[in-house]
Amino acid sequence: MELLQSDKEVEQVLLQAASTGEAISAIRKICSEKDIPVKTVPPEKLSR
């Protein structure tokens, strides 16, 4: 969230499929306002 609120460039945001809640809504809103693509991916794509 902090990165999205900064002036740093962000290529895209990956969100886990079926993620919901206020934080996810806020992330989507900021991305929309800054024209940052949001991609929904399965959980295993985000696991390291």
N, C-alpha and C. Protein backbone atom coordinates (compact mmCIF):
# COMPACT_ATOMS: atom_id res chain seq x y z
N MET A 1 0.83 -1.18 0.00
CA MET A 1 0.00 0.00 0.00
C MET A 1 0.87 1.25 0.00
N GLU A 2 1.94 1.25 0.81
CA GLU A 2 2.81 2.42 0.88
C GLU A 2 3.44 2.72 -0.47
N LEU A 3 3.85 1.67 -1.17
CA LEU A 3 4.47 1.86 -2.48
C LEU A 3 3.48 2.50 -3.45
N LEU A 4 2.24 2.06 -3.42
CA LEU A 4 1.23 2.61 -4.33
C LEU A 4 0.94 4.08 -4.01
N GLN A 5 1.07 4.46 -2.77
CA GLN A 5 0.79 5.83 -2.37
C GLN A 5 1.99 6.75 -2.61
N SER A 6 3.15 6.17 -2.92
CA SER A 6 4.34 6.98 -3.18
C SER A 6 4.36 7.42 -4.64
N ASP A 7 5.39 8.15 -5.00
CA ASP A 7 5.55 8.60 -6.39
C ASP A 7 6.36 7.62 -7.22
N LYS A 8 6.73 6.48 -6.66
CA LYS A 8 7.53 5.50 -7.39
C LYS A 8 6.68 4.82 -8.46
N GLU A 9 7.35 4.43 -9.55
CA GLU A 9 6.65 3.78 -10.66
C GLU A 9 6.37 2.32 -10.33
N VAL A 10 5.16 1.88 -10.62
CA VAL A 10 4.74 0.49 -10.41
C VAL A 10 4.22 -0.03 -11.73
N GLU A 11 4.78 -1.16 -12.20
CA GLU A 11 4.37 -1.73 -13.49
C GLU A 11 3.00 -2.39 -13.41
N GLN A 12 2.79 -3.20 -12.37
CA GLN A 12 1.52 -3.88 -12.20
C GLN A 12 1.41 -4.38 -10.76
N VAL A 13 0.21 -4.74 -10.37
CA VAL A 13 -0.03 -5.29 -9.03
C VAL A 13 -0.67 -6.66 -9.21
N LEU A 14 -0.13 -7.64 -8.48
CA LEU A 14 -0.69 -8.98 -8.50
C LEU A 14 -1.49 -9.20 -7.22
N LEU A 15 -2.72 -9.61 -7.38
CA LEU A 15 -3.58 -9.91 -6.23
C LEU A 15 -4.00 -11.37 -6.28
N GLN A 16 -4.08 -11.98 -5.12
CA GLN A 16 -4.54 -13.36 -5.04
C GLN A 16 -6.00 -13.43 -5.44
N ALA A 17 -6.34 -14.42 -6.25
CA ALA A 17 -7.72 -14.62 -6.68
C ALA A 17 -8.63 -14.73 -5.47
N ALA A 18 -9.80 -14.17 -5.57
CA ALA A 18 -10.83 -14.20 -4.53
C ALA A 18 -10.47 -13.36 -3.31
N SER A 19 -9.46 -12.49 -3.43
CA SER A 19 -9.13 -11.58 -2.31
C SER A 19 -10.20 -10.51 -2.20
N THR A 20 -10.64 -10.26 -0.98
CA THR A 20 -11.65 -9.24 -0.75
C THR A 20 -11.30 -8.46 0.51
N GLY A 21 -12.03 -7.43 0.75
CA GLY A 21 -11.84 -6.65 1.96
C GLY A 21 -11.53 -5.20 1.65
N GLU A 22 -11.50 -4.40 2.71
CA GLU A 22 -11.27 -2.97 2.56
C GLU A 22 -9.90 -2.67 1.97
N ALA A 23 -8.87 -3.39 2.41
CA ALA A 23 -7.52 -3.15 1.91
C ALA A 23 -7.43 -3.44 0.41
N ILE A 24 -8.05 -4.53 -0.02
CA ILE A 24 -8.03 -4.90 -1.44
C ILE A 24 -8.78 -3.85 -2.25
N SER A 25 -9.90 -3.39 -1.75
CA SER A 25 -10.66 -2.34 -2.43
C SER A 25 -9.84 -1.06 -2.55
N ALA A 26 -9.11 -0.72 -1.49
CA ALA A 26 -8.27 0.48 -1.52
C ALA A 26 -7.15 0.33 -2.54
N ILE A 27 -6.54 -0.85 -2.59
CA ILE A 27 -5.47 -1.10 -3.56
C ILE A 27 -6.01 -0.97 -4.98
N ARG A 28 -7.16 -1.58 -5.23
CA ARG A 28 -7.77 -1.50 -6.57
C ARG A 28 -8.09 -0.05 -6.94
N LYS A 29 -8.58 0.73 -5.99
CA LYS A 29 -8.92 2.12 -6.25
C LYS A 29 -7.69 2.94 -6.61
N ILE A 30 -6.63 2.79 -5.83
CA ILE A 30 -5.39 3.53 -6.11
C ILE A 30 -4.84 3.13 -7.47
N CYS A 31 -4.85 1.84 -7.76
CA CYS A 31 -4.35 1.36 -9.06
C CYS A 31 -5.17 1.95 -10.19
N SER A 32 -6.46 2.00 -10.03
CA SER A 32 -7.34 2.57 -11.05
C SER A 32 -7.02 4.05 -11.26
N GLU A 33 -6.85 4.78 -10.18
CA GLU A 33 -6.56 6.21 -10.28
C GLU A 33 -5.21 6.49 -10.94
N LYS A 34 -4.25 5.57 -10.76
CA LYS A 34 -2.91 5.77 -11.30
C LYS A 34 -2.67 4.97 -12.59
N ASP A 35 -3.73 4.36 -13.12
CA ASP A 35 -3.63 3.54 -14.33
C ASP A 35 -2.59 2.43 -14.20
N ILE A 36 -2.58 1.77 -13.05
CA ILE A 36 -1.69 0.63 -12.81
C ILE A 36 -2.50 -0.64 -13.02
N PRO A 37 -2.04 -1.52 -13.92
CA PRO A 37 -2.78 -2.76 -14.15
C PRO A 37 -2.80 -3.65 -12.91
N VAL A 38 -3.95 -4.27 -12.67
CA VAL A 38 -4.11 -5.22 -11.57
C VAL A 38 -4.39 -6.58 -12.18
N LYS A 39 -3.60 -7.57 -11.79
CA LYS A 39 -3.78 -8.91 -12.32
C LYS A 39 -4.12 -9.84 -11.15
N THR A 40 -5.17 -10.63 -11.33
CA THR A 40 -5.58 -11.61 -10.32
C THR A 40 -4.94 -12.95 -10.67
N VAL A 41 -4.25 -13.53 -9.69
CA VAL A 41 -3.52 -14.77 -9.92
C VAL A 41 -3.86 -15.79 -8.84
N PRO A 42 -3.64 -17.09 -9.14
CA PRO A 42 -3.88 -18.12 -8.12
C PRO A 42 -2.87 -17.98 -6.97
N PRO A 43 -3.24 -18.46 -5.79
CA PRO A 43 -2.36 -18.32 -4.61
C PRO A 43 -0.95 -18.87 -4.81
N GLU A 44 -0.82 -19.95 -5.55
CA GLU A 44 0.51 -20.56 -5.74
C GLU A 44 1.47 -19.64 -6.51
N LYS A 45 0.93 -18.72 -7.29
CA LYS A 45 1.77 -17.76 -8.01
C LYS A 45 2.43 -16.77 -7.05
N LEU A 46 1.80 -16.54 -5.90
CA LEU A 46 2.32 -15.56 -4.95
C LEU A 46 3.14 -16.21 -3.85
N SER A 47 3.08 -17.52 -3.73
CA SER A 47 3.85 -18.23 -2.70
C SER A 47 5.30 -18.34 -3.13
N ARG A 48 6.17 -18.13 -2.18
CA ARG A 48 7.61 -18.23 -2.49
C ARG A 48 8.26 -19.23 -1.58
